[in-house]
N, C-alpha and C. Protein backbone atom coordinates (compact mmCIF):
# COMPACT_ATOMS: atom_id res chain seq x y z
N MET A 1 76.56 75.65 67.05
CA MET A 1 75.95 76.80 67.73
C MET A 1 77.25 77.59 67.94
N ASP A 2 78.09 76.70 68.68
CA ASP A 2 79.36 77.25 68.80
C ASP A 2 79.82 78.17 67.40
N SER A 3 79.80 77.41 66.52
CA SER A 3 80.40 77.79 65.18
C SER A 3 79.72 79.25 64.82
N GLU A 4 78.35 79.15 64.86
CA GLU A 4 77.57 80.31 64.45
C GLU A 4 77.89 81.70 65.59
N LYS A 5 78.12 81.18 66.94
CA LYS A 5 78.89 82.65 67.72
C LYS A 5 80.18 82.72 67.29
N ARG A 6 80.77 82.02 66.61
CA ARG A 6 82.38 82.20 66.18
C ARG A 6 82.22 83.14 64.93
N ILE A 7 81.53 82.98 64.31
CA ILE A 7 80.98 83.65 63.14
C ILE A 7 80.93 84.89 63.22
N GLN A 8 79.81 85.20 64.20
CA GLN A 8 79.10 86.47 64.62
C GLN A 8 80.07 87.13 65.15
N ALA A 9 81.03 86.65 66.06
CA ALA A 9 82.20 87.18 66.75
C ALA A 9 82.81 87.91 65.38
N LEU A 10 83.42 87.22 64.34
CA LEU A 10 84.35 87.79 63.20
C LEU A 10 83.60 88.75 62.78
N ARG A 11 82.12 88.75 62.50
CA ARG A 11 81.42 89.64 61.76
C ARG A 11 81.86 91.02 62.74
N ASP A 12 81.73 90.69 63.88
CA ASP A 12 81.62 92.13 64.79
C ASP A 12 82.82 92.74 64.69
N ARG A 13 83.78 91.64 64.57
CA ARG A 13 85.29 92.42 64.64
C ARG A 13 85.83 92.91 63.41
N LEU A 14 85.31 92.48 62.28
CA LEU A 14 85.28 92.86 60.85
C LEU A 14 84.86 94.45 61.15
N ALA A 15 83.78 94.33 61.27
CA ALA A 15 82.67 95.78 61.43
C ALA A 15 83.49 97.00 62.38
N TYR A 16 84.28 96.39 63.37
CA TYR A 16 84.64 97.29 64.21
C TYR A 16 86.04 97.84 63.80
N ALA A 17 86.72 96.92 62.83
CA ALA A 17 87.64 97.45 62.28
C ALA A 17 87.61 98.39 61.00
N ARG A 18 86.66 98.27 60.33
CA ARG A 18 85.84 99.11 59.26
C ARG A 18 85.59 100.21 59.73
N ASP A 19 85.11 100.47 61.05
CA ASP A 19 84.64 101.76 61.69
C ASP A 19 85.77 102.41 62.28
N VAL A 20 87.05 101.82 62.47
CA VAL A 20 88.14 102.63 63.19
C VAL A 20 89.23 102.93 61.84
N VAL A 21 89.80 101.98 61.20
CA VAL A 21 90.51 102.42 60.04
C VAL A 21 90.10 103.56 58.90
N GLY A 22 90.74 104.31 58.41
CA GLY A 22 90.72 105.16 57.19
C GLY A 22 90.84 104.47 55.95
N GLU A 23 91.20 105.73 55.17
CA GLU A 23 91.27 104.77 53.70
C GLU A 23 93.11 104.73 53.79
N GLY A 24 93.74 104.34 52.73
CA GLY A 24 94.98 103.56 52.43
C GLY A 24 95.20 102.22 52.67
N GLN A 25 96.08 102.11 52.71
CA GLN A 25 96.82 100.59 53.18
C GLN A 25 96.18 99.84 54.00
N SER A 26 95.82 100.56 55.54
CA SER A 26 95.01 99.71 56.78
C SER A 26 93.42 99.36 55.89
N GLY A 27 92.62 100.23 55.07
CA GLY A 27 91.50 100.44 54.97
C GLY A 27 91.53 99.48 53.90
N SER A 28 92.27 98.90 52.91
CA SER A 28 92.44 98.10 51.83
C SER A 28 92.86 96.66 52.69
N ASN A 29 93.46 96.43 53.44
CA ASN A 29 93.74 95.30 54.20
C ASN A 29 92.51 94.70 54.80
N VAL A 30 91.61 95.49 55.35
CA VAL A 30 90.25 95.28 55.93
C VAL A 30 89.11 94.87 54.90
N ALA A 31 89.16 95.38 53.90
CA ALA A 31 88.41 95.18 52.41
C ALA A 31 88.75 93.56 52.12
N VAL A 32 90.11 93.42 51.84
CA VAL A 32 90.39 92.12 51.47
C VAL A 32 89.97 91.14 52.40
N LEU A 33 90.09 91.26 53.68
CA LEU A 33 89.80 90.40 54.55
C LEU A 33 88.26 90.18 54.65
N GLN A 34 87.58 91.37 54.58
CA GLN A 34 86.30 91.20 54.09
C GLN A 34 85.92 90.33 53.33
N ALA A 35 86.42 90.51 51.81
CA ALA A 35 85.85 89.82 50.92
C ALA A 35 86.24 87.98 51.09
N LYS A 36 87.42 88.14 51.44
CA LYS A 36 87.57 86.67 52.22
C LYS A 36 86.74 85.98 53.11
N PHE A 37 86.08 87.02 53.88
CA PHE A 37 85.03 86.43 55.03
C PHE A 37 83.54 86.24 54.24
N ASP A 38 83.38 87.19 53.30
CA ASP A 38 82.27 86.91 52.42
C ASP A 38 82.23 85.63 51.41
N GLU A 39 83.49 85.14 51.24
CA GLU A 39 83.46 84.14 50.50
C GLU A 39 83.56 82.82 51.36
N PHE A 40 83.94 82.81 52.58
CA PHE A 40 83.48 82.06 53.29
C PHE A 40 82.07 81.66 54.05
N LEU A 41 81.41 82.84 53.99
CA LEU A 41 80.02 82.72 54.33
C LEU A 41 79.11 82.34 53.21
N GLN A 42 79.96 82.38 52.03
CA GLN A 42 79.20 81.52 50.96
C GLN A 42 79.12 80.64 50.74
N LYS A 43 80.35 79.66 51.19
CA LYS A 43 80.38 78.46 51.18
C LYS A 43 79.88 77.80 52.52
N VAL A 44 79.64 78.43 53.44
CA VAL A 44 78.76 77.85 54.57
C VAL A 44 77.44 77.68 54.05
N GLN A 45 77.04 78.57 53.44
CA GLN A 45 75.58 78.69 52.86
C GLN A 45 75.17 77.93 51.97
N SER A 46 76.28 77.33 51.06
CA SER A 46 75.85 76.59 50.06
C SER A 46 76.02 75.12 50.30
N ALA A 47 76.92 74.78 51.50
CA ALA A 47 77.20 73.83 51.91
C ALA A 47 77.05 73.50 53.44
N PRO A 48 75.87 73.73 54.23
CA PRO A 48 75.79 73.98 55.50
C PRO A 48 75.68 72.59 56.25
N GLN A 49 75.92 71.39 55.90
CA GLN A 49 76.15 70.40 56.36
C GLN A 49 77.42 69.70 56.51
N GLN A 50 78.25 70.75 55.57
CA GLN A 50 79.67 70.21 55.74
C GLN A 50 80.45 70.93 57.01
N ASP A 51 81.23 70.18 57.23
CA ASP A 51 82.22 70.55 58.42
C ASP A 51 83.46 71.84 58.32
N HIS A 52 82.79 73.27 58.35
CA HIS A 52 84.03 74.44 58.20
C HIS A 52 84.54 74.69 59.08
N LYS A 53 84.95 73.80 59.82
CA LYS A 53 85.91 74.21 61.22
C LYS A 53 87.22 74.73 60.77
N ARG A 54 87.87 74.07 59.85
CA ARG A 54 89.19 74.68 59.50
C ARG A 54 89.05 75.74 58.84
N ASP A 55 88.14 76.02 58.20
CA ASP A 55 87.93 77.43 57.38
C ASP A 55 87.99 78.37 58.36
N LEU A 56 87.17 78.19 59.24
CA LEU A 56 86.83 78.99 60.37
C LEU A 56 87.78 79.59 60.90
N ARG A 57 88.74 78.64 61.38
CA ARG A 57 90.19 78.66 62.20
C ARG A 57 91.08 79.58 61.10
N HIS A 58 90.89 79.16 60.26
CA HIS A 58 91.54 80.24 59.35
C HIS A 58 91.40 81.19 59.35
N MET A 59 90.20 81.93 59.12
CA MET A 59 89.44 83.21 59.03
C MET A 59 89.86 83.59 60.46
N GLU A 60 89.64 83.23 61.42
CA GLU A 60 90.06 83.73 63.04
C GLU A 60 91.53 83.87 62.92
N SER A 61 92.50 83.12 62.30
CA SER A 61 94.01 83.55 62.44
C SER A 61 93.83 84.80 61.78
N LEU A 62 93.54 84.81 60.34
CA LEU A 62 93.78 85.83 59.58
C LEU A 62 93.29 87.65 60.17
N CYS A 63 91.86 87.19 61.07
CA CYS A 63 91.80 88.14 61.62
C CYS A 63 92.51 88.95 62.57
N ASP A 64 93.21 87.84 63.39
CA ASP A 64 94.16 88.05 64.49
C ASP A 64 95.57 88.83 64.01
N PHE A 65 95.69 88.42 62.57
CA PHE A 65 97.04 88.88 62.51
C PHE A 65 96.81 90.18 61.65
N LEU A 66 95.46 90.55 61.15
CA LEU A 66 95.07 91.84 60.63
C LEU A 66 94.94 92.71 62.00
N GLU A 67 94.33 92.39 63.00
CA GLU A 67 94.20 93.36 64.23
C GLU A 67 95.53 93.43 64.78
N MET A 68 96.10 92.63 64.93
CA MET A 68 97.69 93.05 65.49
C MET A 68 98.52 93.91 64.34
N LYS A 69 98.39 93.82 63.05
CA LYS A 69 98.72 94.45 62.11
C LYS A 69 98.59 96.03 62.30
N LEU A 70 97.30 96.07 62.39
CA LEU A 70 96.58 97.30 62.44
C LEU A 70 96.80 98.27 63.47
N ASP A 71 96.98 97.14 64.92
CA ASP A 71 97.15 98.47 66.26
C ASP A 71 98.86 98.61 65.98
N GLN A 72 99.56 98.27 65.17
CA GLN A 72 100.79 98.64 64.81
C GLN A 72 100.98 99.88 64.00
N SER A 73 99.73 100.24 63.09
CA SER A 73 99.82 101.08 62.38
C SER A 73 98.50 102.30 62.30
N LEU A 74 98.10 102.45 63.54
CA LEU A 74 97.08 103.50 63.85
C LEU A 74 97.84 104.54 63.68
N THR A 75 96.79 105.60 62.93
CA THR A 75 96.80 106.99 62.92
C THR A 75 96.32 107.59 64.23
N PRO A 76 96.87 109.04 64.37
CA PRO A 76 96.08 109.84 65.31
C PRO A 76 94.43 109.96 64.94
N MET A 77 94.14 109.90 63.93
CA MET A 77 92.68 109.93 63.64
C MET A 77 92.08 108.54 64.16
N ASP A 78 92.58 107.09 63.60
CA ASP A 78 92.17 106.06 64.01
C ASP A 78 92.00 105.99 65.30
N ARG A 79 92.96 106.55 66.44
CA ARG A 79 92.90 106.50 67.69
C ARG A 79 91.68 107.28 68.41
N VAL A 80 91.32 108.48 67.76
CA VAL A 80 90.16 109.00 68.25
C VAL A 80 88.76 108.25 67.69
N ARG A 81 88.79 107.68 66.69
CA ARG A 81 87.39 106.99 66.10
C ARG A 81 87.77 105.66 66.80
N ILE A 82 88.62 104.98 67.62
CA ILE A 82 88.41 104.05 68.62
C ILE A 82 87.92 104.71 70.06
N VAL A 83 88.48 105.87 70.62
CA VAL A 83 87.85 106.36 71.90
C VAL A 83 86.31 106.71 71.65
N ARG A 84 86.23 107.24 70.18
CA ARG A 84 84.56 107.70 70.24
C ARG A 84 83.77 106.42 69.89
N HIS A 85 84.27 105.22 69.49
CA HIS A 85 83.50 103.98 69.11
C HIS A 85 82.02 103.96 70.28
N PRO A 86 81.09 103.40 69.89
CA PRO A 86 80.02 103.21 70.55
C PRO A 86 80.22 101.91 71.21
N GLN A 87 81.01 101.08 70.73
CA GLN A 87 81.60 99.83 71.26
C GLN A 87 82.79 99.80 72.51
N ARG A 88 83.03 100.88 72.63
CA ARG A 88 84.23 101.00 73.33
C ARG A 88 83.49 100.67 74.99
N ILE A 89 84.48 100.09 75.51
CA ILE A 89 84.21 99.65 76.97
C ILE A 89 83.96 100.86 77.68
N CYS A 90 82.87 100.91 78.73
CA CYS A 90 82.63 101.79 79.86
C CYS A 90 82.71 101.42 81.24
N LEU A 91 82.52 102.68 82.01
CA LEU A 91 82.92 102.20 83.07
C LEU A 91 81.75 101.24 84.05
N LYS A 92 80.81 101.17 83.20
CA LYS A 92 79.68 100.28 84.09
C LYS A 92 80.24 98.99 83.69
N ASP A 93 80.77 98.64 82.70
CA ASP A 93 81.62 97.66 82.11
C ASP A 93 82.83 97.04 82.85
N ILE A 94 83.64 97.84 83.54
CA ILE A 94 84.82 97.52 84.10
C ILE A 94 84.26 97.10 85.82
N LEU A 95 83.12 98.22 86.18
CA LEU A 95 82.61 97.96 87.33
C LEU A 95 82.24 96.09 87.37
N GLU A 96 81.62 96.14 86.32
CA GLU A 96 80.86 94.76 86.38
C GLU A 96 81.76 93.33 86.16
N ASN A 97 82.78 93.47 85.37
CA ASN A 97 83.78 92.56 85.26
C ASN A 97 85.17 92.40 85.64
N VAL A 98 85.59 93.71 86.20
CA VAL A 98 86.80 93.48 86.78
C VAL A 98 86.71 93.63 88.35
N TYR A 99 85.89 94.08 89.14
CA TYR A 99 85.59 94.28 90.37
C TYR A 99 84.66 92.71 90.55
N ASP A 100 84.66 92.36 92.11
CA ASP A 100 84.06 91.53 92.33
C ASP A 100 82.64 92.12 93.24
N ASN A 101 82.74 92.98 93.28
CA ASN A 101 81.32 93.44 94.18
C ASN A 101 81.43 94.96 94.09
N TYR A 102 80.33 95.59 93.61
CA TYR A 102 80.37 97.18 94.01
C TYR A 102 78.97 97.61 94.33
N SER A 103 78.98 98.81 94.80
CA SER A 103 77.62 99.32 95.11
C SER A 103 77.93 101.12 94.72
N GLU A 104 77.06 101.51 93.67
CA GLU A 104 77.06 102.79 93.32
C GLU A 104 76.57 104.04 94.19
N ILE A 105 77.35 104.95 94.44
CA ILE A 105 77.02 106.02 95.39
C ILE A 105 76.48 107.08 94.49
N GLY A 106 75.43 107.47 95.29
CA GLY A 106 74.61 108.77 94.47
C GLY A 106 74.66 109.93 95.82
N GLY A 107 74.03 110.91 95.03
CA GLY A 107 74.21 112.20 95.99
C GLY A 107 72.95 112.62 96.61
N GLU A 108 72.67 113.85 97.24
CA GLU A 108 71.47 113.98 97.97
C GLU A 108 71.28 115.84 97.89
N GLY A 109 70.24 115.85 97.22
CA GLY A 109 69.97 117.14 97.01
C GLY A 109 69.49 117.37 95.00
N GLU A 110 68.85 118.01 94.86
CA GLU A 110 68.61 118.65 93.14
C GLU A 110 69.96 118.53 92.80
N PHE A 111 70.55 119.19 93.09
CA PHE A 111 72.20 119.57 92.48
C PHE A 111 73.07 118.65 92.32
N SER A 112 72.89 117.95 93.12
CA SER A 112 74.22 116.77 93.34
C SER A 112 74.30 115.50 92.54
N ILE A 113 73.10 115.06 92.21
CA ILE A 113 73.19 113.70 91.87
C ILE A 113 73.17 114.23 89.92
N ASP A 114 74.33 113.99 89.71
CA ASP A 114 75.02 114.04 88.49
C ASP A 114 75.09 113.00 87.89
N PRO A 115 74.69 111.90 87.06
CA PRO A 115 74.56 111.06 86.61
C PRO A 115 75.39 110.41 85.90
N SER A 116 76.50 111.57 84.99
CA SER A 116 77.43 111.23 84.65
C SER A 116 78.68 111.00 85.17
N MET A 117 79.14 111.40 86.73
CA MET A 117 80.00 111.20 87.41
C MET A 117 79.38 109.90 88.42
N VAL A 118 79.94 108.82 88.20
CA VAL A 118 79.81 107.60 88.39
C VAL A 118 80.67 107.30 89.68
N ILE A 119 79.91 107.23 91.07
CA ILE A 119 81.11 107.17 92.09
C ILE A 119 80.67 105.58 92.65
N ALA A 120 81.69 104.38 92.93
CA ALA A 120 81.27 103.38 93.24
C ALA A 120 82.33 102.66 94.28
N ARG A 121 81.74 102.34 95.50
CA ARG A 121 82.88 101.43 96.37
C ARG A 121 82.72 99.95 96.20
N ALA A 122 83.90 99.62 95.41
CA ALA A 122 84.00 98.22 94.84
C ALA A 122 85.07 97.76 95.87
N TYR A 123 85.02 96.11 95.35
CA TYR A 123 85.56 95.47 96.23
C TYR A 123 86.58 94.54 95.37
N LEU A 124 87.71 93.99 95.69
CA LEU A 124 88.64 92.69 94.97
C LEU A 124 88.97 92.17 96.13
N THR A 125 88.51 90.71 95.82
CA THR A 125 88.80 89.77 96.39
C THR A 125 90.04 88.80 95.91
N ARG A 126 90.81 88.39 96.87
CA ARG A 126 92.12 87.44 95.87
C ARG A 126 92.47 86.73 97.21
N ARG A 127 93.22 85.77 96.79
CA ARG A 127 93.48 84.44 97.83
C ARG A 127 94.87 84.48 97.92
N VAL A 128 95.75 84.92 99.16
CA VAL A 128 97.15 84.69 99.09
C VAL A 128 97.36 83.74 100.29
N GLY A 129 98.03 82.46 99.62
CA GLY A 129 97.98 81.37 100.13
C GLY A 129 96.59 80.79 100.83
N GLN A 130 96.89 80.56 102.04
CA GLN A 130 95.25 80.00 102.79
C GLN A 130 94.26 81.36 103.14
N LYS A 131 94.87 82.31 102.84
CA LYS A 131 94.31 83.71 103.35
C LYS A 131 93.20 84.61 102.41
N VAL A 132 91.96 84.66 102.23
CA VAL A 132 91.22 85.56 101.68
C VAL A 132 91.33 86.75 101.70
N ILE A 133 91.84 88.00 100.85
CA ILE A 133 91.80 88.99 101.37
C ILE A 133 90.68 89.88 100.42
N ASN A 134 90.02 90.88 101.03
CA ASN A 134 88.96 91.66 100.27
C ASN A 134 89.42 93.35 100.72
N GLN A 135 89.96 93.85 99.56
CA GLN A 135 90.26 95.04 99.35
C GLN A 135 89.40 95.78 98.66
N SER A 136 88.58 96.87 99.75
CA SER A 136 87.84 97.79 99.03
C SER A 136 88.95 99.12 98.63
N VAL A 137 88.08 99.43 97.27
CA VAL A 137 88.38 100.78 96.95
C VAL A 137 87.38 101.57 96.46
N MET A 138 87.77 102.93 95.98
CA MET A 138 86.83 103.78 95.84
C MET A 138 87.18 103.84 94.34
N VAL A 139 85.74 103.75 93.35
CA VAL A 139 86.02 104.09 91.96
C VAL A 139 85.13 105.14 91.68
N ILE A 140 85.64 105.91 90.64
CA ILE A 140 85.30 107.42 90.38
C ILE A 140 85.63 107.28 89.00
N GLY A 141 84.69 107.95 88.16
CA GLY A 141 84.67 108.07 86.47
C GLY A 141 83.69 108.35 85.90
N GLN A 142 83.52 109.31 84.65
CA GLN A 142 82.39 109.18 84.29
C GLN A 142 81.77 107.98 82.91
N GLU A 143 80.69 107.82 83.08
CA GLU A 143 79.72 106.94 82.67
C GLU A 143 79.27 107.60 81.29
N LYS A 144 79.72 107.00 79.86
CA LYS A 144 79.67 107.65 78.85
C LYS A 144 78.85 106.81 78.00
N GLY A 145 78.68 105.48 78.17
CA GLY A 145 78.10 104.75 77.38
C GLY A 145 76.45 103.81 77.81
N HIS A 146 76.15 103.50 78.81
CA HIS A 146 75.09 102.96 79.60
C HIS A 146 73.96 103.98 79.67
N GLY A 147 73.05 104.30 78.59
CA GLY A 147 71.99 105.46 79.38
C GLY A 147 72.53 106.69 79.02
N GLU A 148 72.95 106.82 77.78
CA GLU A 148 74.21 108.34 77.36
C GLU A 148 73.23 109.26 77.54
N GLU A 149 71.82 109.36 77.22
CA GLU A 149 71.05 110.49 77.17
C GLU A 149 70.70 111.15 78.67
N TYR A 150 70.52 109.99 79.42
CA TYR A 150 70.43 110.42 80.66
C TYR A 150 71.86 110.89 81.46
N ARG A 151 72.61 110.39 81.05
CA ARG A 151 74.08 110.89 81.80
C ARG A 151 75.17 111.57 81.01
N ASN A 152 74.03 112.19 80.07
CA ASN A 152 74.99 113.55 79.55
C ASN A 152 76.38 113.11 78.41
N GLY A 153 76.01 112.12 78.26
CA GLY A 153 77.43 111.29 77.51
C GLY A 153 78.77 111.54 77.87
N GLY A 154 78.69 111.36 79.43
CA GLY A 154 79.77 111.56 79.91
C GLY A 154 80.37 113.07 80.58
N SER A 155 79.37 114.02 80.06
CA SER A 155 79.94 115.41 80.31
C SER A 155 79.53 115.78 81.76
N VAL A 156 80.36 116.25 82.55
CA VAL A 156 80.28 116.17 83.99
C VAL A 156 79.68 117.81 84.47
N LYS A 157 78.81 117.77 85.19
CA LYS A 157 78.50 119.14 85.76
C LYS A 157 79.11 119.49 86.96
N PRO A 158 78.93 120.65 87.44
CA PRO A 158 80.68 121.48 88.63
C PRO A 158 79.83 120.55 89.70
N TRP A 159 78.72 120.36 89.93
CA TRP A 159 78.73 119.54 91.30
C TRP A 159 78.73 118.28 91.19
N GLY A 160 78.95 117.40 89.76
CA GLY A 160 79.77 115.93 89.69
C GLY A 160 80.81 116.10 90.00
N ASN A 161 81.79 117.01 89.50
CA ASN A 161 83.29 117.30 90.06
C ASN A 161 83.11 116.88 91.43
N ALA A 162 82.59 117.88 92.07
CA ALA A 162 82.47 118.19 93.57
C ALA A 162 82.26 116.76 94.26
N LYS A 163 81.00 115.99 93.86
CA LYS A 163 80.83 114.84 93.96
C LYS A 163 82.20 114.14 94.09
N ALA A 164 82.80 114.02 93.11
CA ALA A 164 83.99 113.34 92.81
C ALA A 164 84.97 113.45 94.25
N LEU A 165 85.43 114.85 94.08
CA LEU A 165 86.51 115.36 95.16
C LEU A 165 85.96 115.18 96.49
N HIS A 166 84.43 115.07 97.03
CA HIS A 166 84.13 114.71 98.41
C HIS A 166 84.37 113.60 98.60
N TYR A 167 84.25 112.20 97.39
CA TYR A 167 84.74 110.97 97.84
C TYR A 167 85.78 110.54 97.75
N MET A 168 86.58 111.45 97.23
CA MET A 168 88.44 111.26 97.08
C MET A 168 88.69 111.33 98.70
N LYS A 169 88.13 112.43 99.05
CA LYS A 169 88.63 112.89 100.30
C LYS A 169 87.97 111.93 101.74
N VAL A 170 86.99 110.99 101.23
CA VAL A 170 86.26 109.99 102.03
C VAL A 170 87.62 109.03 101.70
N ALA A 171 87.55 108.67 100.58
CA ALA A 171 88.49 107.51 100.56
C ALA A 171 89.90 107.57 101.38
N GLU A 172 90.49 108.93 101.26
CA GLU A 172 91.69 109.02 102.16
C GLU A 172 91.30 109.22 103.51
N THR A 173 90.33 109.60 104.17
CA THR A 173 90.18 109.37 105.49
C THR A 173 90.03 107.99 106.07
N GLU A 174 89.50 106.90 104.95
CA GLU A 174 89.48 105.71 105.34
C GLU A 174 90.56 104.88 105.00
N ASN A 175 91.63 105.61 104.36
CA ASN A 175 92.89 104.72 103.84
C ASN A 175 92.76 103.66 102.95
N ILE A 176 91.78 104.04 101.61
CA ILE A 176 91.41 103.09 100.88
C ILE A 176 91.81 103.65 99.46
N PRO A 177 92.56 102.79 98.84
CA PRO A 177 92.84 103.01 97.19
C PRO A 177 91.82 103.96 96.55
N VAL A 178 92.01 104.81 95.60
CA VAL A 178 90.99 105.39 94.57
C VAL A 178 91.47 104.54 93.04
N HIS A 179 90.60 104.42 92.58
CA HIS A 179 90.68 104.07 90.95
C HIS A 179 89.96 104.95 90.34
N THR A 180 90.59 105.77 89.35
CA THR A 180 89.74 106.59 88.49
C THR A 180 89.67 106.45 87.02
N PHE A 181 88.68 106.53 86.47
CA PHE A 181 88.83 106.26 84.98
C PHE A 181 88.13 107.25 84.32
N ILE A 182 88.65 107.69 83.15
CA ILE A 182 88.12 109.12 82.68
C ILE A 182 87.25 108.66 81.23
N PHE A 183 86.22 108.86 81.02
CA PHE A 183 85.45 108.78 79.90
C PHE A 183 84.82 109.79 79.54
N THR A 184 85.19 110.92 79.28
CA THR A 184 84.38 112.29 78.90
C THR A 184 84.65 112.82 77.83
N PRO A 185 83.72 113.86 77.17
CA PRO A 185 84.38 114.54 76.03
C PRO A 185 84.78 115.87 76.67
N GLY A 186 84.16 116.04 77.66
CA GLY A 186 84.42 117.49 78.17
C GLY A 186 83.51 117.69 79.25
N SER A 187 83.66 119.01 79.87
CA SER A 187 82.62 119.33 81.28
C SER A 187 81.30 119.58 80.17
N TYR A 188 80.13 119.59 80.85
CA TYR A 188 79.08 120.20 80.32
C TYR A 188 79.09 121.63 80.59
N PRO A 189 78.36 121.81 79.67
CA PRO A 189 78.21 123.37 79.51
C PRO A 189 77.44 124.45 80.37
N ILE A 190 77.79 124.79 81.64
CA ILE A 190 77.00 125.62 82.37
C ILE A 190 78.38 126.02 83.16
N GLU A 191 77.82 127.26 83.77
CA GLU A 191 78.96 128.07 84.46
C GLU A 191 79.12 127.37 85.89
N ASP A 192 78.08 127.13 86.98
CA ASP A 192 78.27 127.04 88.14
C ASP A 192 76.90 126.62 88.88
N TYR A 193 77.00 126.42 89.99
CA TYR A 193 75.89 125.90 90.65
C TYR A 193 74.84 126.90 90.48
N PRO A 194 73.53 126.55 89.69
CA PRO A 194 72.68 127.47 89.76
C PRO A 194 71.96 127.73 90.88
N ALA A 195 71.79 129.36 91.36
CA ALA A 195 71.11 129.66 92.59
C ALA A 195 71.93 128.91 93.75
N LEU A 196 73.32 129.19 93.54
CA LEU A 196 73.72 128.37 94.97
C LEU A 196 75.08 129.10 95.08
N HIS A 197 75.32 130.33 94.62
CA HIS A 197 76.53 131.07 94.50
C HIS A 197 76.84 131.38 95.92
N SER A 198 75.56 131.50 96.84
CA SER A 198 75.67 132.33 98.08
C SER A 198 75.78 131.61 99.66
N ARG A 199 75.74 130.14 99.09
CA ARG A 199 75.64 129.32 100.16
C ARG A 199 76.26 128.10 99.86
N SER A 200 76.58 126.85 100.84
CA SER A 200 77.18 125.76 100.28
C SER A 200 76.23 124.98 100.56
N PRO A 201 76.28 124.40 99.40
CA PRO A 201 74.99 123.01 99.20
C PRO A 201 75.41 121.92 100.16
N ARG A 202 74.34 121.59 100.61
CA ARG A 202 74.62 120.12 101.00
C ARG A 202 73.90 119.19 100.09
N ILE A 203 75.09 118.34 99.69
CA ILE A 203 74.89 117.63 98.51
C ILE A 203 74.97 116.22 98.36
N PHE A 204 75.93 115.57 99.76
CA PHE A 204 76.49 114.17 99.64
C PHE A 204 75.58 113.60 100.62
N MET A 205 75.44 112.21 99.93
CA MET A 205 74.60 111.61 101.09
C MET A 205 75.64 110.70 102.22
N LYS A 206 75.29 110.15 103.30
CA LYS A 206 76.24 109.46 104.24
C LYS A 206 76.52 108.34 103.70
N TRP A 207 78.06 108.03 104.03
CA TRP A 207 78.40 107.03 103.69
C TRP A 207 77.63 105.53 104.01
N PRO A 208 77.55 104.81 103.01
CA PRO A 208 76.67 103.44 103.49
C PRO A 208 77.69 102.28 104.41
N THR A 209 76.59 102.11 105.42
CA THR A 209 77.01 101.22 106.11
C THR A 209 76.64 99.68 105.38
């Protein structure tokens, strides 16, 4: 079962490399490694009872070497493809895997709940000697990947930016750090608050207790 997971991981890594690099020498290197991987798969299928761990380790080493080599020769367009790749990590991934705990904060009112702008109160827990320290931080950023249609693909509306500014000021008042992450193709194509030019909207919820 472990070998199957490692083979699938290699398959995913090679697919990602094909998606990122264009033509030329880098593309040729990926094609060569893909051919070697296909040969390895044929060997596994033709003799499933044999131990192929050595060949699997060899393929993983080749893939590591290829990724390191590609990383040193990325073109500007390759970097654009990395940024736009659907497998790129998103803010929700960071919240769930980097912080020990978090609570997403919404807004109040029709024009305040901009789901593309995610605000979360998160916690980092660290042990220093015999003491456990819980650090509260304000995490602010665009969510592009999870529920992309609902979140406008990370494109923030004006009230989403206002929500972010509001909670930056809240963090300043509470004297806690602000962690910002940018995952956006640009602002949502809208001019301003609809029908709200003449009044200050009450758009933010109370700070949770």
